[in-house]
Amino acid sequence: MRVIVMGSGGIGGYFGARLVKVGAEVTFLARGQHLAAMQQNGLRINSKIDGTWTLPVKAVADLSGEAPADIVLFCVKSYDTETAIETIRPVISPHTGIISLQNGMGNEEKLAAAFGEDRVIGGICYIFANITEPGVIAHHQLSKIVFGDWTATTSDRCQRFLALCGAAGFEAVHSTDVRKTLWEKYVFLTAMAGTTALTRQPAGTVQQQPAVEALFLGQLDELLALAAASKIGLDADMRERCRSFLAGLAPGNYSSLYLDLAQGNRLELEALHGHAVRLGRRLSVPTPMLDAVYGGLYPYKDGAPAK
């Protein structure tokens, strides 16, 4: 199976490396020093779960002349979706499946508009991983993906990729209602990302400090209200499931939104809180907590403000 990894950061780098390990034909898209390090030294994974290992990998800056892909793992930041769509065009065939493993809402719709719904596979991942230096990815906790065809069918390519993930040794689940699946992650991730980024504190602070947990729960309740108004059909115990998931996180874990904030990078704020705030206005669902977090982080959405 020919796999293209569009975006070789923590998510794409880790899952792509696991696929390389079992002999899959994987090409990584990267740039700058990260690309140069991967081409020269391979890709190193420092995992608290799997140990440390380094693999020689194929890493490129563009896809000109590359053969069509069976699967594209689309792992770029949400604000880079449109640019990345143009980057992957050379390898998209009528049989290619594009699995979005991105944060926030609206990414699958952009892919469908560009390539057609039949090529889009919605997906989510549960993982804490990030680039620590060029060519090196730290994997802290979890390694699971859930995905399903955007058209609610069950394609052969999904079943083949599911088998490949099983061979690679990480958990993969096929979803028959991928829009519901996306919302299940969206409600937790948005609340958790907003809390860790606004407070500049890790999961342990959210777990242990009632005032900080209240910030998390306030956002979560508003997001669940938006899901109900949108008739997503989330399970009745979703709030408690999110609380249990929070309790199971390693205390030192941060969201990627916080890591981008701390590094002065652009934020995926519009695909997370921005989407929720706009949806609340459209559906007449009050979102005061989400509005406050959105406003608190807004000055940083394009990177560190000029002083």
C-alpha atoms as a PDB file:
ATOM      1  CA  MET A   1       0.000   0.000   0.000  1.00  0.00           C
ATOM      2  CA  ARG A   2       1.418   3.365  -1.058  1.00  0.00           C
ATOM      3  CA  VAL A   3       1.014   5.995   1.661  1.00  0.00           C
ATOM      4  CA  ILE A   4       1.792   9.711   1.449  1.00  0.00           C
ATOM      5  CA  VAL A   5       2.163  11.555   4.760  1.00  0.00           C
ATOM      6  CA  MET A   6       1.213  15.200   4.203  1.00  0.00           C
ATOM      7  CA  GLY A   7       2.644  16.902   7.280  1.00  0.00           C
ATOM      8  CA  SER A   8       5.391  15.034   9.104  1.00  0.00           C
ATOM      9  CA  GLY A   9       5.037  16.498  12.582  1.00  0.00           C
ATOM     10  CA  GLY A  10       4.159  14.581  15.723  1.00  0.00           C
ATOM     11  CA  ILE A  11       1.075  12.879  14.290  1.00  0.00           C
ATOM     12  CA  GLY A  12       2.147  12.177  10.715  1.00  0.00           C
ATOM     13  CA  GLY A  13       5.725  11.433  11.686  1.00  0.00           C
ATOM     14  CA  TYR A  14       4.831   8.919  14.382  1.00  0.00           C
ATOM     15  CA  PHE A  15       2.105   7.012  12.535  1.00  0.00           C
ATOM     16  CA  GLY A  16       4.058   7.140   9.269  1.00  0.00           C
ATOM     17  CA  ALA A  17       7.150   5.734  10.974  1.00  0.00           C
ATOM     18  CA  ARG A  18       5.129   2.874  12.424  1.00  0.00           C
ATOM     19  CA  LEU A  19       3.915   2.037   8.905  1.00  0.00           C
ATOM     20  CA  VAL A  20       7.469   2.145   7.520  1.00  0.00           C
ATOM     21  CA  LYS A  21       8.502  -0.279  10.245  1.00  0.00           C
ATOM     22  CA  VAL A  22       6.238  -2.982   8.782  1.00  0.00           C
ATOM     23  CA  GLY A  23       7.294  -2.444   5.197  1.00  0.00           C
ATOM     24  CA  ALA A  24       4.677  -0.023   3.864  1.00  0.00           C
ATOM     25  CA  GLU A  25       5.767   2.258   1.022  1.00  0.00           C
ATOM     26  CA  VAL A  26       5.624   5.641   2.765  1.00  0.00           C
ATOM     27  CA  THR A  27       6.677   9.065   1.497  1.00  0.00           C
ATOM     28  CA  PHE A  28       6.865  11.944   3.981  1.00  0.00           C
ATOM     29  CA  LEU A  29       6.220  15.564   2.991  1.00  0.00           C
ATOM     30  CA  ALA A  30       8.282  17.930   5.116  1.00  0.00           C
ATOM     31  CA  ARG A  31      10.148  21.212   4.877  1.00  0.00           C
ATOM     32  CA  GLY A  32      13.125  23.142   6.184  1.00  0.00           C
ATOM     33  CA  GLN A  33      15.499  21.667   8.736  1.00  0.00           C
ATOM     34  CA  HIS A  34      13.076  18.833   9.567  1.00  0.00           C
ATOM     35  CA  LEU A  35      13.159  17.683   5.934  1.00  0.00           C
ATOM     36  CA  ALA A  36      16.951  17.956   5.735  1.00  0.00           C
ATOM     37  CA  ALA A  37      17.424  15.959   8.941  1.00  0.00           C
ATOM     38  CA  MET A  38      15.041  13.210   7.791  1.00  0.00           C
ATOM     39  CA  GLN A  39      16.832  12.936   4.443  1.00  0.00           C
ATOM     40  CA  GLN A  40      20.283  12.829   6.031  1.00  0.00           C
ATOM     41  CA  ASN A  41      19.740  10.889   9.274  1.00  0.00           C
ATOM     42  CA  GLY A  42      16.336   9.239   8.985  1.00  0.00           C
ATOM     43  CA  LEU A  43      13.427   9.756  11.381  1.00  0.00           C
ATOM     44  CA  ARG A  44      13.993   9.122  15.092  1.00  0.00           C
ATOM     45  CA  ILE A  45      11.128   8.373  17.462  1.00  0.00           C
ATOM     46  CA  ASN A  46      11.661   8.814  21.199  1.00  0.00           C
ATOM     47  CA  SER A  47       8.618   7.087  22.638  1.00  0.00           C
ATOM     48  CA  LYS A  48       7.688   6.581  26.273  1.00  0.00           C
ATOM     49  CA  ILE A  49       5.675   3.573  25.047  1.00  0.00           C
ATOM     50  CA  ASP A  50       7.771   2.027  22.252  1.00  0.00           C
ATOM     51  CA  GLY A  51      11.305   3.070  23.191  1.00  0.00           C
ATOM     52  CA  THR A  52      13.742   4.889  20.907  1.00  0.00           C
ATOM     53  CA  TRP A  53      14.231   3.868  17.293  1.00  0.00           C
ATOM     54  CA  THR A  54      15.468   5.409  14.046  1.00  0.00           C
ATOM     55  CA  LEU A  55      14.397   4.527  10.521  1.00  0.00           C
ATOM     56  CA  PRO A  56      15.664   5.562   7.097  1.00  0.00           C
ATOM     57  CA  VAL A  57      12.707   7.211   5.362  1.00  0.00           C
ATOM     58  CA  LYS A  58      11.816   8.773   2.044  1.00  0.00           C
ATOM     59  CA  ALA A  59      11.206  12.477   2.672  1.00  0.00           C
ATOM     60  CA  VAL A  60      10.504  15.062  -0.043  1.00  0.00           C
ATOM     61  CA  ALA A  61       9.592  18.734  -0.360  1.00  0.00           C
ATOM     62  CA  ASP A  62       7.058  18.248  -3.175  1.00  0.00           C
ATOM     63  CA  LEU A  63       5.248  15.439  -4.964  1.00  0.00           C
ATOM     64  CA  SER A  64       6.110  16.214  -8.570  1.00  0.00           C
ATOM     65  CA  GLY A  65       6.683  12.956 -10.431  1.00  0.00           C
ATOM     66  CA  GLU A  66       5.523  10.738  -7.546  1.00  0.00           C
ATOM     67  CA  ALA A  67       3.210   7.800  -8.272  1.00  0.00           C
ATOM     68  CA  PRO A  68      -0.474   8.045  -7.234  1.00  0.00           C
ATOM     69  CA  ALA A  69      -1.167   7.295  -3.586  1.00  0.00           C
ATOM     70  CA  ASP A  70      -3.481   4.657  -2.175  1.00  0.00           C
ATOM     71  CA  ILE A  71      -3.819   6.639   1.055  1.00  0.00           C
ATOM     72  CA  VAL A  72      -2.845  10.184   1.963  1.00  0.00           C
ATOM     73  CA  LEU A  73      -2.504  10.823   5.686  1.00  0.00           C
ATOM     74  CA  PHE A  74      -3.443  14.508   5.775  1.00  0.00           C
ATOM     75  CA  CYS A  75      -1.876  15.780   8.998  1.00  0.00           C
ATOM     76  CA  VAL A  76      -1.267  19.495   8.457  1.00  0.00           C
ATOM     77  CA  LYS A  77      -2.445  22.301  10.726  1.00  0.00           C
ATOM     78  CA  SER A  78      -5.990  23.372   9.902  1.00  0.00           C
ATOM     79  CA  TYR A  79      -4.853  26.794   8.686  1.00  0.00           C
ATOM     80  CA  ASP A  80      -2.620  25.077   6.082  1.00  0.00           C
ATOM     81  CA  THR A  81      -5.407  22.951   4.579  1.00  0.00           C
ATOM     82  CA  GLU A  82      -5.863  24.934   1.365  1.00  0.00           C
ATOM     83  CA  THR A  83      -2.127  25.084   0.638  1.00  0.00           C
ATOM     84  CA  ALA A  84      -1.677  21.377   1.371  1.00  0.00           C
ATOM     85  CA  ILE A  85      -4.575  20.513  -0.955  1.00  0.00           C
ATOM     86  CA  GLU A  86      -2.595  21.950  -3.858  1.00  0.00           C
ATOM     87  CA  THR A  87       0.550  20.129  -2.713  1.00  0.00           C
ATOM     88  CA  ILE A  88      -1.080  16.674  -2.843  1.00  0.00           C
ATOM     89  CA  ARG A  89      -2.878  17.114  -6.194  1.00  0.00           C
ATOM     90  CA  PRO A  90      -0.126  15.310  -8.198  1.00  0.00           C
ATOM     91  CA  VAL A  91      -0.700  12.024  -6.308  1.00  0.00           C
ATOM     92  CA  ILE A  92      -4.505  11.988  -6.193  1.00  0.00           C
ATOM     93  CA  SER A  93      -6.149   9.375  -8.436  1.00  0.00           C
ATOM     94  CA  PRO A  94      -9.776   8.190  -8.624  1.00  0.00           C
ATOM     95  CA  HIS A  95      -8.864   5.451  -6.139  1.00  0.00           C
ATOM     96  CA  THR A  96      -6.935   7.554  -3.586  1.00  0.00           C
ATOM     97  CA  GLY A  97      -8.337   7.924  -0.075  1.00  0.00           C
ATOM     98  CA  ILE A  98      -7.436  11.076   1.868  1.00  0.00           C
ATOM     99  CA  ILE A  99      -7.605  10.565   5.641  1.00  0.00           C
ATOM    100  CA  SER A 100      -7.774  13.863   7.506  1.00  0.00           C
ATOM    101  CA  LEU A 101      -6.173  13.558  10.941  1.00  0.00           C
ATOM    102  CA  GLN A 102      -6.496  17.255  11.727  1.00  0.00           C
ATOM    103  CA  ASN A 103      -7.800  19.279  14.625  1.00  0.00           C
ATOM    104  CA  GLY A 104     -11.064  21.166  14.558  1.00  0.00           C
ATOM    105  CA  MET A 105     -13.937  21.380  12.105  1.00  0.00           C
ATOM    106  CA  GLY A 106     -14.251  22.202   8.420  1.00  0.00           C
ATOM    107  CA  ASN A 107     -11.220  20.351   7.047  1.00  0.00           C
ATOM    108  CA  GLU A 108     -13.104  17.438   5.467  1.00  0.00           C
ATOM    109  CA  GLU A 109     -15.487  19.816   3.710  1.00  0.00           C
ATOM    110  CA  LYS A 110     -12.534  21.627   2.108  1.00  0.00           C
ATOM    111  CA  LEU A 111     -11.041  18.333   0.937  1.00  0.00           C
ATOM    112  CA  ALA A 112     -14.408  17.226  -0.458  1.00  0.00           C
ATOM    113  CA  ALA A 113     -14.789  20.499  -2.366  1.00  0.00           C
ATOM    114  CA  ALA A 114     -11.339  20.015  -3.901  1.00  0.00           C
ATOM    115  CA  PHE A 115     -11.391  16.292  -4.689  1.00  0.00           C
ATOM    116  CA  GLY A 116     -14.953  14.996  -4.266  1.00  0.00           C
ATOM    117  CA  GLU A 117     -16.605  13.374  -1.256  1.00  0.00           C
ATOM    118  CA  ASP A 118     -15.790   9.857  -2.468  1.00  0.00           C
ATOM    119  CA  ARG A 119     -12.066  10.430  -1.906  1.00  0.00           C
ATOM    120  CA  VAL A 120     -12.405  11.876   1.608  1.00  0.00           C
ATOM    121  CA  ILE A 121     -12.047   9.798   4.759  1.00  0.00           C
ATOM    122  CA  GLY A 122     -12.780  11.621   7.986  1.00  0.00           C
ATOM    123  CA  GLY A 123     -10.559  10.743  10.899  1.00  0.00           C
ATOM    124  CA  ILE A 124      -9.388  11.552  14.386  1.00  0.00           C
ATOM    125  CA  CYS A 125      -6.340  10.503  16.360  1.00  0.00           C
ATOM    126  CA  TYR A 126      -5.638  10.166  20.038  1.00  0.00           C
ATOM    127  CA  ILE A 127      -1.943  10.805  20.567  1.00  0.00           C
ATOM    128  CA  PHE A 128       0.433  13.163  22.351  1.00  0.00           C
ATOM    129  CA  ALA A 129       3.489  13.608  20.139  1.00  0.00           C
ATOM    130  CA  ASN A 130       5.547  16.520  18.867  1.00  0.00           C
ATOM    131  CA  ILE A 131       8.767  17.442  17.070  1.00  0.00           C
ATOM    132  CA  THR A 132      11.510  18.148  19.609  1.00  0.00           C
ATOM    133  CA  GLU A 133      14.270  18.867  17.093  1.00  0.00           C
ATOM    134  CA  PRO A 134      14.678  18.408  13.331  1.00  0.00           C
ATOM    135  CA  GLY A 135      14.201  14.746  12.457  1.00  0.00           C
ATOM    136  CA  VAL A 136      13.166  13.770  16.001  1.00  0.00           C
ATOM    137  CA  ILE A 137       9.659  13.143  17.344  1.00  0.00           C
ATOM    138  CA  ALA A 138       8.767  12.619  21.000  1.00  0.00           C
ATOM    139  CA  HIS A 139       5.806  10.312  21.644  1.00  0.00           C
ATOM    140  CA  HIS A 140       4.341  10.803  25.111  1.00  0.00           C
ATOM    141  CA  GLN A 141       1.040   8.918  25.348  1.00  0.00           C
ATOM    142  CA  LEU A 142      -1.652   7.133  23.285  1.00  0.00           C
ATOM    143  CA  SER A 143      -1.549   5.977  19.653  1.00  0.00           C
ATOM    144  CA  LYS A 144      -5.009   5.428  18.207  1.00  0.00           C
ATOM    145  CA  ILE A 145      -6.808   6.524  15.065  1.00  0.00           C
ATOM    146  CA  VAL A 146     -10.492   6.286  14.153  1.00  0.00           C
ATOM    147  CA  PHE A 147     -11.584   6.848  10.558  1.00  0.00           C
ATOM    148  CA  GLY A 148     -14.429   6.283   8.105  1.00  0.00           C
ATOM    149  CA  ASP A 149     -15.555   7.234   4.616  1.00  0.00           C
ATOM    150  CA  TRP A 150     -17.130  10.687   4.424  1.00  0.00           C
ATOM    151  CA  THR A 151     -19.919   9.218   2.265  1.00  0.00           C
ATOM    152  CA  ALA A 152     -20.830   6.741   5.058  1.00  0.00           C
ATOM    153  CA  THR A 153     -19.923   3.750   2.909  1.00  0.00           C
ATOM    154  CA  THR A 154     -17.317   1.126   3.756  1.00  0.00           C
ATOM    155  CA  SER A 155     -14.657   1.175   1.043  1.00  0.00           C
ATOM    156  CA  ASP A 156     -12.110  -1.506   0.312  1.00  0.00           C
ATOM    157  CA  ARG A 157      -9.304   1.022   0.828  1.00  0.00           C
ATOM    158  CA  CYS A 158     -10.490   1.644   4.408  1.00  0.00           C
ATOM    159  CA  GLN A 159     -10.462  -2.058   5.161  1.00  0.00           C
ATOM    160  CA  ARG A 160      -7.003  -2.469   3.632  1.00  0.00           C
ATOM    161  CA  PHE A 161      -5.636   0.477   5.610  1.00  0.00           C
ATOM    162  CA  LEU A 162      -7.251  -0.871   8.783  1.00  0.00           C
ATOM    163  CA  ALA A 163      -5.359  -4.134   8.263  1.00  0.00           C
ATOM    164  CA  LEU A 164      -2.117  -2.230   7.656  1.00  0.00           C
ATOM    165  CA  CYS A 165      -2.549  -0.316  10.920  1.00  0.00           C
ATOM    166  CA  GLY A 166      -3.113  -3.596  12.732  1.00  0.00           C
ATOM    167  CA  ALA A 167       0.117  -4.971  11.291  1.00  0.00           C
ATOM    168  CA  ALA A 168       1.905  -1.781  12.389  1.00  0.00           C
ATOM    169  CA  GLY A 169       0.803  -2.388  15.963  1.00  0.00           C
ATOM    170  CA  PHE A 170      -1.248   0.695  16.789  1.00  0.00           C
ATOM    171  CA  GLU A 171      -4.961   0.783  17.481  1.00  0.00           C
ATOM    172  CA  ALA A 172      -7.194   1.668  14.542  1.00  0.00           C
ATOM    173  CA  VAL A 173     -10.992   1.634  14.442  1.00  0.00           C
ATOM    174  CA  HIS A 174     -13.338   1.976  11.469  1.00  0.00           C
ATOM    175  CA  SER A 175     -16.249   4.354  12.106  1.00  0.00           C
ATOM    176  CA  THR A 176     -19.605   4.050  10.334  1.00  0.00           C
ATOM    177  CA  ASP A 177     -20.647   7.543  11.547  1.00  0.00           C
ATOM    178  CA  VAL A 178     -17.519   9.627  11.126  1.00  0.00           C
ATOM    179  CA  ARG A 179     -19.255  12.980  11.667  1.00  0.00           C
ATOM    180  CA  LYS A 180     -20.287  11.835  15.138  1.00  0.00           C
ATOM    181  CA  THR A 181     -16.746  10.551  15.659  1.00  0.00           C
ATOM    182  CA  LEU A 182     -15.301  13.964  14.764  1.00  0.00           C
ATOM    183  CA  TRP A 183     -17.579  15.680  17.275  1.00  0.00           C
ATOM    184  CA  GLU A 184     -16.613  13.222  20.015  1.00  0.00           C
ATOM    185  CA  LYS A 185     -13.031  14.417  19.741  1.00  0.00           C
ATOM    186  CA  TYR A 186     -13.918  18.033  18.962  1.00  0.00           C
ATOM    187  CA  VAL A 187     -15.812  18.637  22.212  1.00  0.00           C
ATOM    188  CA  PHE A 188     -12.984  17.273  24.357  1.00  0.00           C
ATOM    189  CA  LEU A 189     -10.098  18.706  22.372  1.00  0.00           C
ATOM    190  CA  THR A 190     -11.512  22.221  22.138  1.00  0.00           C
ATOM    191  CA  ALA A 191     -12.207  22.404  25.882  1.00  0.00           C
ATOM    192  CA  MET A 192      -8.833  20.893  26.785  1.00  0.00           C
ATOM    193  CA  ALA A 193      -6.850  22.933  24.268  1.00  0.00           C
ATOM    194  CA  GLY A 194      -8.496  26.167  25.369  1.00  0.00           C
ATOM    195  CA  THR A 195      -7.846  25.430  29.034  1.00  0.00           C
ATOM    196  CA  THR A 196      -4.179  24.464  28.722  1.00  0.00           C
ATOM    197  CA  ALA A 197      -3.430  27.316  26.310  1.00  0.00           C
ATOM    198  CA  LEU A 198      -5.214  30.050  28.279  1.00  0.00           C
ATOM    199  CA  THR A 199      -3.718  28.994  31.628  1.00  0.00           C
ATOM    200  CA  ARG A 200      -0.334  27.913  30.159  1.00  0.00           C
ATOM    201  CA  GLN A 201      -0.639  24.802  32.341  1.00  0.00           C
ATOM    202  CA  PRO A 202      -0.552  21.029  31.625  1.00  0.00           C
ATOM    203  CA  ALA A 203      -3.226  18.392  32.121  1.00  0.00           C
ATOM    204  CA  GLY A 204      -2.236  17.842  35.751  1.00  0.00           C
ATOM    205  CA  THR A 205      -3.320  21.364  36.698  1.00  0.00           C
ATOM    206  CA  VAL A 206      -6.702  20.831  35.028  1.00  0.00           C
ATOM    207  CA  GLN A 207      -7.081  17.544  36.903  1.00  0.00           C
ATOM    208  CA  GLN A 208      -6.070  18.869  40.320  1.00  0.00           C
ATOM    209  CA  GLN A 209      -7.310  22.466  40.553  1.00  0.00           C
ATOM    210  CA  PRO A 210     -11.121  22.818  40.780  1.00  0.00           C
ATOM    211  CA  ALA A 211     -11.122  26.359  39.394  1.00  0.00           C
ATOM    212  CA  VAL A 212      -9.190  25.240  36.320  1.00  0.00           C
ATOM    213  CA  GLU A 213     -11.350  22.139  35.897  1.00  0.00           C
ATOM    214  CA  ALA A 214     -14.379  24.467  35.963  1.00  0.00           C
ATOM    215  CA  LEU A 215     -12.898  26.326  32.988  1.00  0.00           C
ATOM    216  CA  PHE A 216     -12.613  23.019  31.136  1.00  0.00           C
ATOM    217  CA  LEU A 217     -16.124  21.876  32.097  1.00  0.00           C
ATOM    218  CA  GLY A 218     -17.717  25.211  31.235  1.00  0.00           C
ATOM    219  CA  GLN A 219     -16.391  25.015  27.693  1.00  0.00           C
ATOM    220  CA  LEU A 220     -17.307  21.340  27.473  1.00  0.00           C
ATOM    221  CA  ASP A 221     -20.936  21.982  28.453  1.00  0.00           C
ATOM    222  CA  GLU A 222     -21.284  24.685  25.810  1.00  0.00           C
ATOM    223  CA  LEU A 223     -19.779  22.410  23.164  1.00  0.00           C
ATOM    224  CA  LEU A 224     -22.179  19.617  24.109  1.00  0.00           C
ATOM    225  CA  ALA A 225     -25.064  22.095  23.795  1.00  0.00           C
ATOM    226  CA  LEU A 226     -23.849  22.970  20.290  1.00  0.00           C
ATOM    227  CA  ALA A 227     -23.681  19.272  19.389  1.00  0.00           C
ATOM    228  CA  ALA A 228     -27.242  18.762  20.637  1.00  0.00           C
ATOM    229  CA  ALA A 229     -28.519  21.768  18.671  1.00  0.00           C
ATOM    230  CA  SER A 230     -26.742  20.422  15.587  1.00  0.00           C
ATOM    231  CA  LYS A 231     -28.417  17.011  16.091  1.00  0.00           C
ATOM    232  CA  ILE A 232     -25.083  15.172  16.053  1.00  0.00           C
ATOM    233  CA  GLY A 233     -26.387  12.390  18.281  1.00  0.00           C
ATOM    234  CA  LEU A 234     -23.602  12.230  20.866  1.00  0.00           C
ATOM    235  CA  ASP A 235     -24.127   9.645  23.581  1.00  0.00           C
ATOM    236  CA  ALA A 236     -25.811  10.778  26.790  1.00  0.00           C
ATOM    237  CA  ASP A 237     -22.702   9.942  28.852  1.00  0.00           C
ATOM    238  CA  MET A 238     -20.352  12.062  26.735  1.00  0.00           C
ATOM    239  CA  ARG A 239     -19.663  14.544  29.521  1.00  0.00           C
ATOM    240  CA  GLU A 240     -18.564  11.823  31.920  1.00  0.00           C
ATOM    241  CA  ARG A 241     -16.524  10.121  29.221  1.00  0.00           C
ATOM    242  CA  CYS A 242     -14.641  13.375  28.665  1.00  0.00           C
ATOM    243  CA  ARG A 243     -14.003  13.732  32.398  1.00  0.00           C
ATOM    244  CA  SER A 244     -12.711  10.153  32.536  1.00  0.00           C
ATOM    245  CA  PHE A 245     -10.460  10.751  29.547  1.00  0.00           C
ATOM    246  CA  LEU A 246      -9.060  13.869  31.219  1.00  0.00           C
ATOM    247  CA  ALA A 247      -8.383  11.894  34.407  1.00  0.00           C
ATOM    248  CA  GLY A 248      -6.392   9.333  32.416  1.00  0.00           C
ATOM    249  CA  LEU A 249      -4.005  11.799  30.811  1.00  0.00           C
ATOM    250  CA  ALA A 250      -0.401  12.014  31.955  1.00  0.00           C
ATOM    251  CA  PRO A 251      -0.169  15.111  34.212  1.00  0.00           C
ATOM    252  CA  GLY A 252       2.606  16.670  32.130  1.00  0.00           C
ATOM    253  CA  ASN A 253       0.755  16.536  28.812  1.00  0.00           C
ATOM    254  CA  TYR A 254      -0.073  19.769  26.988  1.00  0.00           C
ATOM    255  CA  SER A 255      -2.333  20.344  24.009  1.00  0.00           C
ATOM    256  CA  SER A 256      -0.808  21.199  20.637  1.00  0.00           C
ATOM    257  CA  LEU A 257      -2.587  24.558  20.879  1.00  0.00           C
ATOM    258  CA  TYR A 258      -0.532  25.379  23.976  1.00  0.00           C
ATOM    259  CA  LEU A 259       2.706  24.154  22.358  1.00  0.00           C
ATOM    260  CA  ASP A 260       2.115  26.397  19.346  1.00  0.00           C
ATOM    261  CA  LEU A 261       1.321  29.316  21.642  1.00  0.00           C
ATOM    262  CA  ALA A 262       4.489  28.760  23.692  1.00  0.00           C
ATOM    263  CA  GLN A 263       6.617  28.599  20.534  1.00  0.00           C
ATOM    264  CA  GLY A 264       5.112  31.746  19.043  1.00  0.00           C
ATOM    265  CA  ASN A 265       3.524  29.845  16.152  1.00  0.00           C
ATOM    266  CA  ARG A 266       0.156  30.353  14.495  1.00  0.00           C
ATOM    267  CA  LEU A 267      -2.767  28.788  16.357  1.00  0.00           C
ATOM    268  CA  GLU A 268      -5.537  26.490  15.123  1.00  0.00           C
ATOM    269  CA  LEU A 269      -7.925  28.759  17.008  1.00  0.00           C
ATOM    270  CA  GLU A 270     -10.408  29.298  14.174  1.00  0.00           C
ATOM    271  CA  ALA A 271     -10.961  25.569  13.593  1.00  0.00           C
ATOM    272  CA  LEU A 272     -11.482  25.033  17.336  1.00  0.00           C
ATOM    273  CA  HIS A 273     -13.032  27.906  19.316  1.00  0.00           C
ATOM    274  CA  GLY A 274     -13.726  30.105  16.315  1.00  0.00           C
ATOM    275  CA  HIS A 275     -15.900  27.416  14.747  1.00  0.00           C
ATOM    276  CA  ALA A 276     -17.797  26.936  18.009  1.00  0.00           C
ATOM    277  CA  VAL A 277     -18.402  30.646  18.539  1.00  0.00           C
ATOM    278  CA  ARG A 278     -19.704  31.106  14.993  1.00  0.00           C
ATOM    279  CA  LEU A 279     -21.889  28.013  15.250  1.00  0.00           C
ATOM    280  CA  GLY A 280     -23.341  29.250  18.528  1.00  0.00           C
ATOM    281  CA  ARG A 281     -24.370  32.525  16.940  1.00  0.00           C
ATOM    282  CA  ARG A 282     -25.903  30.742  13.962  1.00  0.00           C
ATOM    283  CA  LEU A 283     -27.894  28.345  16.170  1.00  0.00           C
ATOM    284  CA  SER A 284     -28.695  30.919  18.909  1.00  0.00           C
ATOM    285  CA  VAL A 285     -26.867  28.794  21.500  1.00  0.00           C
ATOM    286  CA  PRO A 286     -25.103  30.914  24.175  1.00  0.00           C
ATOM    287  CA  THR A 287     -21.351  30.270  24.389  1.00  0.00           C
ATOM    288  CA  PRO A 288     -19.996  32.801  26.932  1.00  0.00           C
ATOM    289  CA  MET A 289     -17.140  30.595  28.171  1.00  0.00           C
ATOM    290  CA  LEU A 290     -16.004  29.711  24.646  1.00  0.00           C
ATOM    291  CA  ASP A 291     -16.278  33.385  23.680  1.00  0.00           C
ATOM    292  CA  ALA A 292     -14.025  34.350  26.587  1.00  0.00           C
ATOM    293  CA  VAL A 293     -11.364  31.761  25.768  1.00  0.00           C
ATOM    294  CA  TYR A 294     -11.517  32.693  22.076  1.00  0.00           C
ATOM    295  CA  GLY A 295     -11.058  36.353  22.953  1.00  0.00           C
ATOM    296  CA  GLY A 296      -8.218  35.610  25.365  1.00  0.00           C
ATOM    297  CA  LEU A 297      -6.261  33.697  22.718  1.00  0.00           C
ATOM    298  CA  TYR A 298      -7.248  35.753  19.676  1.00  0.00           C
ATOM    299  CA  PRO A 299      -4.286  38.189  19.838  1.00  0.00           C
ATOM    300  CA  TYR A 300      -1.955  35.169  19.420  1.00  0.00           C
ATOM    301  CA  LYS A 301      -3.770  33.398  16.567  1.00  0.00           C
ATOM    302  CA  ASP A 302      -1.257  34.521  13.930  1.00  0.00           C
ATOM    303  CA  GLY A 303       1.767  34.047  16.204  1.00  0.00           C
ATOM    304  CA  ALA A 304       3.269  36.119  18.991  1.00  0.00           C
ATOM    305  CA  PRO A 305       1.966  39.714  18.802  1.00  0.00           C
ATOM    306  CA  ALA A 306       4.481  42.391  17.894  1.00  0.00           C
ATOM    307  CA  LYS A 307       5.688  44.321  20.945  1.00  0.00           C
END
